[in-house]
Amino acid sequence: MVKTSLGLEENVEAALCYFGVWITGLLFYFIDDKNKFIRFHALQSILVFLPLTILAWIFGGAFGLLHFDHGWYFLWWVSWLFWVLVLILWLILMIKAYQMQKIKLPIIGDIAEKNT
C-alpha cells in the first residue's frame, strides 16, 4: 500500500475522508494535495455531504428551521427514509474507499474527478 503525506495507508485515509462527512473531506482535501485518489474521495465527500448537512439543518425538526407539527407525519417519514438512505450511502462510500475502489456518484463524481 502507498503511504500518504500523513503517513497513513492510502485506503485508510480515503475511508477517513467519508468518516467525518464533509469535515474530514475538507481536511484531507487540503492536507494531501498530491494524491489524486485521496483528493477524489475528499472532494466527493464534501460535494455530497455538505449539501446534505445544510438540508438536515433546514429540515431538522426542533433544531432546524422547519418543524413538522401534527398532521405532517408523512413528511417526517419521508425525512426519516431519506436519512436512512444517506446513512447507507455513507457506509458504502466509506467501505469502498477502504477497499481502494473508486465509486463515482452521478454528476458529483465527475466534478470531483475533474478537480483532483
Protein backbone atom coordinates (compact mmCIF):
# COMPACT_ATOMS: atom_id res chain seq x y z
CA MET A 1 0.00 0.00 0.00
CA VAL A 2 1.04 3.55 -0.68
CA LYS A 3 1.68 5.83 2.28
CA THR A 4 0.11 9.29 2.22
CA SER A 5 1.59 12.60 3.32
CA LEU A 6 0.22 11.93 6.82
CA GLY A 7 1.91 8.53 6.95
CA LEU A 8 -1.39 6.64 6.76
CA GLU A 9 -2.07 3.95 4.23
CA GLU A 10 -3.95 5.22 1.20
CA ASN A 11 -7.07 3.12 1.80
CA VAL A 12 -7.36 4.22 5.44
CA GLU A 13 -7.10 7.89 4.56
CA ALA A 14 -9.61 7.50 1.70
CA ALA A 15 -12.13 5.93 4.10
CA LEU A 16 -11.47 8.68 6.66
CA CYS A 17 -12.44 11.25 4.00
CA TYR A 18 -16.00 10.00 4.46
CA PHE A 19 -15.86 9.15 8.17
CA GLY A 20 -16.40 12.71 9.38
CA VAL A 21 -18.55 13.51 6.36
CA TRP A 22 -17.62 16.81 4.73
CA ILE A 23 -15.41 17.99 7.61
CA THR A 24 -12.80 15.25 7.19
CA GLY A 25 -13.24 15.52 3.43
CA LEU A 26 -12.25 19.18 3.63
CA LEU A 27 -9.36 18.40 5.95
CA PHE A 28 -7.86 15.69 3.72
CA TYR A 29 -8.51 17.67 0.53
CA PHE A 30 -6.14 20.39 1.71
CA ILE A 31 -3.64 18.25 3.62
CA ASP A 32 -3.00 15.62 0.96
CA ASP A 33 -2.70 17.75 -2.15
CA LYS A 34 -0.66 15.31 -4.27
CA ASN A 35 -2.58 12.03 -4.03
CA LYS A 36 -5.34 12.01 -6.66
CA PHE A 37 -7.15 9.03 -5.10
CA ILE A 38 -7.39 10.77 -1.72
CA ARG A 39 -8.35 14.12 -3.28
CA PHE A 40 -11.12 12.45 -5.30
CA HIS A 41 -12.68 10.85 -2.22
CA ALA A 42 -12.21 14.01 -0.15
CA LEU A 43 -13.89 16.23 -2.76
CA GLN A 44 -16.69 13.76 -3.39
CA SER A 45 -17.30 13.64 0.37
CA ILE A 46 -17.51 17.44 0.50
CA LEU A 47 -19.81 17.69 -2.52
CA VAL A 48 -22.18 15.00 -1.23
CA PHE A 49 -22.33 15.59 2.50
CA LEU A 50 -22.05 19.39 2.81
CA PRO A 51 -25.35 19.98 0.96
CA LEU A 52 -26.93 17.13 2.91
CA THR A 53 -25.79 18.73 6.17
CA ILE A 54 -27.38 22.01 5.09
CA LEU A 55 -30.61 20.17 4.25
CA ALA A 56 -30.52 18.48 7.65
CA TRP A 57 -30.20 21.87 9.29
CA ILE A 58 -33.11 23.30 7.31
CA PHE A 59 -35.41 20.30 7.74
CA GLY A 60 -34.01 19.07 11.03
CA GLY A 61 -37.08 19.32 13.22
CA ALA A 62 -36.65 21.08 16.55
CA PHE A 63 -33.08 22.18 15.82
CA GLY A 64 -33.70 23.11 12.20
CA LEU A 65 -35.57 25.94 10.55
CA LEU A 66 -38.69 23.90 9.93
CA HIS A 67 -40.62 21.83 12.41
CA PHE A 68 -43.13 19.16 11.39
CA ASP A 69 -46.23 19.64 13.53
CA HIS A 70 -49.22 17.34 13.91
CA GLY A 71 -50.65 16.32 10.57
CA TRP A 72 -47.28 16.40 8.85
CA TYR A 73 -46.25 12.86 9.81
CA PHE A 74 -45.92 11.92 6.15
CA LEU A 75 -43.07 14.43 5.79
CA TRP A 76 -41.48 13.07 8.93
CA TRP A 77 -41.50 9.56 7.45
CA VAL A 78 -40.12 10.79 4.12
CA SER A 79 -37.37 12.62 6.00
CA TRP A 80 -36.59 9.52 8.07
CA LEU A 81 -36.39 7.33 4.96
CA PHE A 82 -34.18 9.89 3.22
CA TRP A 83 -31.67 9.90 6.10
CA VAL A 84 -31.60 6.10 6.27
CA LEU A 85 -30.64 6.12 2.59
CA VAL A 86 -27.97 8.75 3.27
CA LEU A 87 -26.57 6.57 6.07
CA ILE A 88 -26.40 3.60 3.69
CA LEU A 89 -24.65 5.76 1.05
CA TRP A 90 -22.17 6.99 3.67
CA LEU A 91 -21.33 3.41 4.72
CA ILE A 92 -20.97 2.17 1.14
CA LEU A 93 -18.68 5.06 0.15
CA MET A 94 -16.52 4.58 3.23
CA ILE A 95 -16.22 0.80 2.76
CA LYS A 96 -15.50 1.03 -0.97
CA ALA A 97 -12.85 3.71 -0.39
CA TYR A 98 -11.23 1.44 2.20
CA GLN A 99 -11.24 -1.36 -0.39
CA MET A 100 -9.43 1.00 -2.81
CA GLN A 101 -12.43 1.21 -5.11
CA LYS A 102 -13.44 4.45 -6.72
CA ILE A 103 -17.22 4.81 -6.88
CA LYS A 104 -18.14 7.85 -8.93
CA LEU A 105 -21.52 9.19 -7.96
CA PRO A 106 -23.55 10.72 -10.81
CA ILE A 107 -22.61 14.35 -11.54
CA ILE A 108 -20.74 14.82 -8.23
CA GLY A 109 -18.22 12.09 -9.05
CA ASP A 110 -17.48 13.72 -12.41
CA ILE A 111 -16.94 17.10 -10.74
CA ALA A 112 -14.67 15.52 -8.12
CA GLU A 113 -12.67 13.69 -10.76
CA LYS A 114 -12.15 16.82 -12.87
CA ASN A 115 -10.94 18.82 -9.88
CA THR A 116 -8.40 16.39 -8.42
